[in-house]
């Protein structure tokens, strides 16, 4: 029986019975793998009928990134006659993004889709994607990723036991809250706003005058209900799929970040495949970007209509005031030569 109740879709869940047992067994195996990081084989499972890779995502089952990875699995299964498959755990069933990153590094899971902001501290090149107002639009972000910037960032994962497969959209990140419309940074003063666990986002919110509160995505709704936080910042698709619009009635189109998502695979898991299967995996993952983008464009428009129909108040902001307030943060990070180089490449494609 599927999970029921208001929180089921937001926090993710397993069905009772066999699925619950499977989850416990899986997490027990994950714990053993992470306890001895470099001993034994990765979780990638070889069975009599072929190889099954495990993929995780904190988003719900119909989210574009989840559907794109599902498409990868279907393509691999078709191209290999069922010999290579992907088993997905969506809706945060196996934990937070920070946990998924470590599990993939240690080979306890094979693949994961994570937000680039969650990668900033361990993988510095991803900081270039999360700087405030580095991208002007979704089209600009896609152009930069397609014309070399994405490949440079993806190569930066290999020194820490991961391989970057693809970069997916994450839309325009904007502010939403339960208190008031945000037009200038002054309107954020005193508000407790959830941010991802990224130094860039924490410091950016402080420059805007807000009180940044790092929380996992699954804690945001209850945080707003209990008034632990006043709001958050995210893209419209996540605002809708997480049902945060039920608690936050104000959406302000700040567009302060277009930081994308990254699809990663354990270096050990990829190495365990045959050369032909590795090539197929990498090529299929790259092809999935177009699939994801088409899904994103349709679902983003539908999500916006749904939240407006629900009664959420939307407004434009004074973009120049936000850009001005975030400038000290941008200048500080651009003192790093590698980030300055990537920033200039991105801006040249604006």
Protein backbone atom coordinates (compact mmCIF):
# COMPACT_ATOMS: atom_id res chain seq x y z
CA UNK A 1 0.00 0.00 0.00
CA UNK A 2 1.45 3.45 -0.87
CA UNK A 3 2.19 5.92 1.89
CA UNK A 4 -0.68 8.22 2.79
CA UNK A 5 -1.00 11.60 4.44
CA UNK A 6 0.06 15.16 3.74
CA UNK A 7 3.77 14.47 4.19
CA UNK A 8 3.98 11.40 2.00
CA UNK A 9 4.73 13.16 -1.26
CA UNK A 10 7.14 15.63 0.36
CA UNK A 11 9.36 13.36 2.34
CA UNK A 12 9.33 10.16 0.34
CA UNK A 13 8.37 6.75 1.65
CA UNK A 14 8.44 3.03 1.07
CA UNK A 15 5.46 0.74 0.97
CA UNK A 16 4.89 -1.56 3.90
CA UNK A 17 5.89 -5.20 3.82
CA UNK A 18 8.46 -6.29 1.29
CA UNK A 19 9.58 -2.77 0.31
CA UNK A 20 10.23 -1.85 3.95
CA UNK A 21 12.30 -5.01 4.42
CA UNK A 22 14.18 -4.30 1.18
CA UNK A 23 14.97 -0.78 2.36
CA UNK A 24 16.30 -2.00 5.70
CA UNK A 25 18.47 -4.58 3.98
CA UNK A 26 19.70 -1.99 1.50
CA UNK A 27 20.62 0.55 4.17
CA UNK A 28 22.31 -2.15 6.21
CA UNK A 29 24.47 -2.90 3.20
CA UNK A 30 25.16 0.79 2.69
CA UNK A 31 26.29 1.13 6.29
CA UNK A 32 28.67 -1.79 5.91
CA UNK A 33 30.08 -0.40 2.68
CA UNK A 34 30.65 3.08 4.12
CA UNK A 35 32.22 1.67 7.28
CA UNK A 36 34.96 0.10 5.16
CA UNK A 37 35.12 2.55 2.26
CA UNK A 38 37.62 0.84 0.00
CA UNK A 39 37.07 -2.81 0.84
CA UNK A 40 35.14 -5.20 -1.33
CA UNK A 41 33.05 -4.49 -4.43
CA UNK A 42 30.64 -1.64 -5.12
CA UNK A 43 26.95 -2.14 -4.66
CA UNK A 44 26.52 -2.62 -8.40
CA UNK A 45 24.82 -6.02 -8.45
CA UNK A 46 25.61 -8.73 -10.96
CA UNK A 47 22.77 -11.22 -11.25
CA UNK A 48 22.07 -14.17 -13.48
CA UNK A 49 20.03 -11.90 -15.72
CA UNK A 50 22.53 -9.02 -15.84
CA UNK A 51 23.85 -6.01 -13.91
CA UNK A 52 21.63 -3.70 -11.87
CA UNK A 53 22.86 -0.23 -10.88
CA UNK A 54 21.26 1.68 -8.03
CA UNK A 55 20.33 5.35 -8.57
CA UNK A 56 19.01 7.83 -5.98
CA UNK A 57 17.27 11.20 -6.05
CA UNK A 58 15.55 13.27 -3.35
CA UNK A 59 12.88 14.40 -5.81
CA UNK A 60 9.51 12.73 -6.42
CA UNK A 61 8.98 10.02 -9.02
CA UNK A 62 7.65 12.30 -11.79
CA UNK A 63 10.32 14.99 -11.34
CA UNK A 64 12.25 15.66 -14.59
CA UNK A 65 15.60 14.49 -13.21
CA UNK A 66 14.05 11.25 -11.95
CA UNK A 67 12.35 10.66 -15.28
CA UNK A 68 15.58 11.39 -17.17
CA UNK A 69 17.46 8.73 -15.17
CA UNK A 70 14.54 6.37 -15.72
CA UNK A 71 14.98 7.02 -19.46
CA UNK A 72 18.68 6.17 -19.13
CA UNK A 73 17.75 2.88 -17.49
CA UNK A 74 15.19 2.04 -20.15
CA UNK A 75 17.68 2.85 -22.92
CA UNK A 76 20.45 0.76 -21.34
CA UNK A 77 18.08 -2.15 -20.86
CA UNK A 78 16.90 -1.96 -24.46
CA UNK A 79 20.39 -1.57 -25.94
CA UNK A 80 21.85 -4.45 -23.92
CA UNK A 81 18.90 -6.82 -24.18
CA UNK A 82 18.19 -6.47 -20.46
CA UNK A 83 21.77 -7.16 -19.40
CA UNK A 84 22.28 -3.66 -17.89
CA UNK A 85 19.53 -1.99 -15.84
CA UNK A 86 18.97 0.77 -13.27
CA UNK A 87 16.94 0.46 -10.06
CA UNK A 88 15.77 3.87 -8.83
CA UNK A 89 15.13 5.11 -5.31
CA UNK A 90 13.39 8.48 -5.62
CA UNK A 91 11.76 10.83 -3.07
CA UNK A 92 14.75 10.76 -0.73
CA UNK A 93 14.15 7.11 0.12
CA UNK A 94 17.85 6.54 0.81
CA UNK A 95 18.55 9.83 2.58
CA UNK A 96 19.74 13.33 1.88
CA UNK A 97 21.89 14.53 -1.00
CA UNK A 98 24.95 14.94 1.24
CA UNK A 99 24.61 11.28 2.25
CA UNK A 100 24.12 10.18 -1.36
CA UNK A 101 27.35 11.90 -2.41
CA UNK A 102 29.36 9.97 0.17
CA UNK A 103 27.61 6.69 -0.61
CA UNK A 104 28.43 7.10 -4.29
CA UNK A 105 32.05 7.95 -3.53
CA UNK A 106 32.41 4.77 -1.50
CA UNK A 107 30.55 2.65 -4.06
CA UNK A 108 27.67 1.94 -1.65
CA UNK A 109 25.31 3.23 -4.34
CA UNK A 110 26.10 3.54 -8.03
CA UNK A 111 24.46 6.76 -9.23
CA UNK A 112 22.94 9.88 -7.75
CA UNK A 113 21.51 13.18 -8.91
CA UNK A 114 22.42 16.07 -6.63
CA UNK A 115 22.13 19.84 -6.62
CA UNK A 116 25.42 21.58 -7.44
CA UNK A 117 25.17 23.70 -4.28
CA UNK A 118 25.57 20.54 -2.20
CA UNK A 119 28.88 19.87 -3.98
CA UNK A 120 30.54 23.26 -3.47
CA UNK A 121 32.77 22.45 -0.53
CA UNK A 122 34.14 19.13 -1.77
CA UNK A 123 34.32 20.05 -5.47
CA UNK A 124 35.36 23.72 -5.79
CA UNK A 125 34.76 24.02 -9.54
CA UNK A 126 31.02 23.68 -8.89
CA UNK A 127 31.17 27.01 -7.05
CA UNK A 128 31.35 28.73 -10.44
CA UNK A 129 27.82 27.46 -11.19
CA UNK A 130 26.37 28.73 -7.90
CA UNK A 131 27.69 32.28 -7.81
CA UNK A 132 24.91 34.89 -7.63
CA UNK A 133 23.67 36.11 -11.00
CA UNK A 134 26.38 34.28 -12.95
CA UNK A 135 23.68 33.15 -15.42
CA UNK A 136 21.12 35.48 -16.98
CA UNK A 137 18.54 32.85 -17.91
CA UNK A 138 17.91 29.16 -18.40
CA UNK A 139 18.96 29.55 -22.03
CA UNK A 140 22.25 31.14 -20.95
CA UNK A 141 22.92 28.35 -18.44
CA UNK A 142 22.23 25.67 -21.05
CA UNK A 143 24.47 27.37 -23.60
CA UNK A 144 27.35 27.55 -21.10
CA UNK A 145 26.97 23.90 -20.13
CA UNK A 146 26.83 22.80 -23.78
CA UNK A 147 29.82 24.87 -24.89
CA UNK A 148 32.56 23.55 -22.64
CA UNK A 149 31.91 24.87 -19.14
CA UNK A 150 29.93 21.77 -18.22
CA UNK A 151 32.71 19.42 -19.35
CA UNK A 152 35.27 21.33 -17.29
CA UNK A 153 33.15 21.05 -14.16
CA UNK A 154 32.38 17.36 -14.74
CA UNK A 155 36.08 16.51 -15.03
CA UNK A 156 36.61 17.97 -11.56
CA UNK A 157 34.87 15.03 -9.89
CA UNK A 158 37.31 12.32 -10.88
CA UNK A 159 39.91 13.08 -8.21
CA UNK A 160 37.43 12.10 -5.48
CA UNK A 161 36.08 8.75 -6.65
CA UNK A 162 33.20 10.06 -8.76
CA UNK A 163 32.56 10.54 -12.47
CA UNK A 164 30.34 13.37 -13.69
CA UNK A 165 27.89 12.02 -16.26
CA UNK A 166 25.65 14.99 -17.05
CA UNK A 167 24.48 18.40 -15.93
CA UNK A 168 20.72 18.88 -15.63
CA UNK A 169 18.61 22.02 -15.26
CA UNK A 170 17.47 23.27 -11.91
CA UNK A 171 15.62 26.35 -13.12
CA UNK A 172 15.64 29.84 -11.65
CA UNK A 173 15.96 29.83 -7.88
CA UNK A 174 13.73 32.43 -6.26
CA UNK A 175 12.43 33.34 -2.80
CA UNK A 176 9.17 32.16 -1.29
CA UNK A 177 7.85 32.73 2.20
CA UNK A 178 4.79 32.90 4.42
CA UNK A 179 5.20 36.55 5.48
CA UNK A 180 5.33 39.07 2.64
CA UNK A 181 6.28 39.83 -0.93
CA UNK A 182 10.01 40.39 -1.48
CA UNK A 183 10.88 43.27 -3.82
CA UNK A 184 14.30 44.42 -2.55
CA UNK A 185 16.83 42.82 -0.16
CA UNK A 186 15.44 45.03 2.61
CA UNK A 187 12.25 42.94 2.51
CA UNK A 188 14.27 39.88 3.56
CA UNK A 189 15.58 41.50 6.73
CA UNK A 190 14.75 39.40 9.76
CA UNK A 191 13.30 36.47 7.79
CA UNK A 192 14.60 32.96 8.46
CA UNK A 193 15.15 31.46 5.00
CA UNK A 194 16.13 27.87 4.32
CA UNK A 195 19.21 27.45 2.12
CA UNK A 196 21.16 24.39 0.98
CA UNK A 197 24.31 23.58 2.96
CA UNK A 198 26.51 25.73 0.74
CA UNK A 199 28.76 28.54 1.95
CA UNK A 200 27.86 30.57 -1.14
CA UNK A 201 24.13 30.49 -0.41
CA UNK A 202 24.57 31.09 3.31
CA UNK A 203 26.74 34.14 2.75
CA UNK A 204 24.58 35.45 -0.09
CA UNK A 205 21.49 35.39 2.13
CA UNK A 206 23.37 37.25 4.87
CA UNK A 207 24.30 39.95 2.37
CA UNK A 208 20.60 40.20 1.49
CA UNK A 209 19.82 40.72 5.18
CA UNK A 210 18.06 37.39 5.79
CA UNK A 211 18.84 34.81 8.44
CA UNK A 212 20.01 31.78 6.38
CA UNK A 213 19.04 28.41 7.85
CA UNK A 214 20.61 25.29 6.26
CA UNK A 215 18.10 22.43 6.15
CA UNK A 216 17.50 19.40 3.97
CA UNK A 217 14.69 19.73 1.42
CA UNK A 218 12.55 17.25 3.35
CA UNK A 219 12.55 19.47 6.46
CA UNK A 220 11.35 22.65 4.77
CA UNK A 221 7.58 22.11 4.87
CA UNK A 222 7.48 21.18 8.55
CA UNK A 223 9.91 24.04 9.25
CA UNK A 224 7.46 26.53 7.77
CA UNK A 225 4.46 24.93 9.48
CA UNK A 226 6.15 25.16 12.89
CA UNK A 227 7.56 28.65 12.16
CA UNK A 228 11.13 27.43 12.59
CA UNK A 229 11.70 29.14 9.23
CA UNK A 230 9.71 31.77 7.33
CA UNK A 231 10.48 30.53 3.86
CA UNK A 232 13.06 29.18 1.46
CA UNK A 233 14.52 29.62 -2.00
CA UNK A 234 14.22 27.12 -4.81
CA UNK A 235 12.91 26.66 -8.34
CA UNK A 236 9.24 26.71 -9.23
CA UNK A 237 9.12 23.00 -10.07
CA UNK A 238 10.41 22.03 -6.61
CA UNK A 239 8.16 24.63 -4.93
CA UNK A 240 5.22 22.80 -6.49
CA UNK A 241 6.31 19.14 -6.20
CA UNK A 242 7.26 19.55 -2.53
CA UNK A 243 3.90 21.27 -1.94
CA UNK A 244 5.66 24.12 -0.16
CA UNK A 245 3.10 26.44 -1.76
CA UNK A 246 0.60 25.18 0.82
CA UNK A 247 2.64 26.90 3.55
CA UNK A 248 4.28 29.78 1.65
CA UNK A 249 1.87 32.16 -0.06
CA UNK A 250 4.43 34.57 -1.54
CA UNK A 251 6.70 33.81 -4.50
CA UNK A 252 9.21 36.53 -5.51
CA UNK A 253 10.99 36.14 -8.85
CA UNK A 254 14.54 37.00 -7.72
CA UNK A 255 16.33 34.66 -10.17
CA UNK A 256 19.39 34.87 -7.90
CA UNK A 257 20.71 31.51 -9.08
CA UNK A 258 20.33 29.10 -11.98
CA UNK A 259 22.74 26.63 -10.39
CA UNK A 260 22.13 23.27 -12.10
CA UNK A 261 22.00 19.67 -10.93
CA UNK A 262 24.69 17.06 -11.55
CA UNK A 263 24.31 13.36 -12.33
CA UNK A 264 27.17 11.37 -10.81
CA UNK A 265 28.29 7.76 -10.89
CA UNK A 266 30.69 6.01 -8.57
CA UNK A 267 34.10 5.70 -10.20
CA UNK A 268 34.29 2.13 -8.91
CA UNK A 269 30.89 1.24 -10.33
CA UNK A 270 31.74 2.64 -13.74
CA UNK A 271 35.10 0.83 -13.77
CA UNK A 272 33.31 -2.46 -12.97
CA UNK A 273 31.45 -2.30 -16.29
CA UNK A 274 32.92 -3.60 -19.52
CA UNK A 275 34.54 -1.03 -21.80
CA UNK A 276 31.57 -1.19 -24.17
CA UNK A 277 29.06 -0.74 -21.34
CA UNK A 278 31.04 2.20 -19.92
CA UNK A 279 30.92 3.89 -23.31
CA UNK A 280 27.20 3.20 -23.61
CA UNK A 281 26.53 4.54 -20.10
CA UNK A 282 28.40 7.78 -20.69
CA UNK A 283 26.83 8.36 -24.12
CA UNK A 284 23.31 7.61 -22.88
CA UNK A 285 23.71 9.92 -19.89
CA UNK A 286 24.77 12.75 -22.19
CA UNK A 287 21.76 12.10 -24.43
CA UNK A 288 19.46 12.24 -21.39
CA UNK A 289 20.14 15.97 -21.00
CA UNK A 290 17.86 16.77 -23.96
CA UNK A 291 15.19 14.47 -22.51
CA UNK A 292 15.41 16.17 -19.14
CA UNK A 293 15.23 19.65 -20.63
CA UNK A 294 12.08 18.89 -22.59
CA UNK A 295 10.46 17.46 -19.46
CA UNK A 296 11.63 20.44 -17.43
CA UNK A 297 10.18 23.05 -19.76
CA UNK A 298 6.75 21.41 -19.76
CA UNK A 299 6.60 20.74 -16.03
CA UNK A 300 7.93 24.17 -15.01
CA UNK A 301 5.12 25.92 -16.88
CA UNK A 302 2.54 23.54 -15.44
CA UNK A 303 3.89 24.04 -11.91
CA UNK A 304 3.69 27.83 -12.18
CA UNK A 305 0.07 27.68 -13.34
CA UNK A 306 -0.82 25.26 -10.53
CA UNK A 307 0.58 27.39 -7.70
CA UNK A 308 -0.97 30.59 -9.09
CA UNK A 309 -4.32 28.82 -9.38
CA UNK A 310 -3.89 27.76 -5.75
CA UNK A 311 -3.69 31.41 -4.73
CA UNK A 312 0.05 32.04 -4.38
CA UNK A 313 0.94 35.72 -4.87
CA UNK A 314 3.78 36.16 -7.38
CA UNK A 315 5.78 39.32 -7.99
CA UNK A 316 8.84 40.63 -9.81
CA UNK A 317 11.75 42.05 -7.81
CA UNK A 318 14.22 44.88 -8.21
CA UNK A 319 16.97 42.74 -9.76
CA UNK A 320 19.60 45.47 -9.71
CA UNK A 321 19.28 45.88 -5.95
CA UNK A 322 19.86 42.15 -5.45
CA UNK A 323 22.82 42.11 -7.85
CA UNK A 324 24.34 45.07 -6.05
CA UNK A 325 23.91 43.46 -2.63
CA UNK A 326 25.56 40.22 -3.78
CA UNK A 327 28.55 41.89 -5.48
CA UNK A 328 30.98 41.57 -2.49
CA UNK A 329 30.45 37.80 -2.48
CA UNK A 330 31.08 37.58 -6.22
CA UNK A 331 34.26 39.65 -5.96
CA UNK A 332 35.58 37.49 -3.14
CA UNK A 333 35.14 34.20 -5.01
CA UNK A 334 36.56 35.60 -8.23
CA UNK A 335 39.90 36.07 -6.49
CA UNK A 336 40.35 32.35 -7.11
CA UNK A 337 41.92 32.08 -10.60
CA UNK A 338 40.11 28.87 -11.60
CA UNK A 339 36.72 30.37 -10.69
CA UNK A 340 37.49 33.66 -12.39
CA UNK A 341 38.36 31.79 -15.60
CA UNK A 342 35.10 29.82 -15.56
CA UNK A 343 33.10 32.93 -14.66
CA UNK A 344 34.52 34.82 -17.65
CA UNK A 345 33.76 31.91 -19.96
CA UNK A 346 30.17 31.82 -18.69
CA UNK A 347 29.70 35.58 -19.04
CA UNK A 348 31.15 35.54 -22.57
CA UNK A 349 28.23 33.27 -23.52
CA UNK A 350 25.56 35.54 -22.02
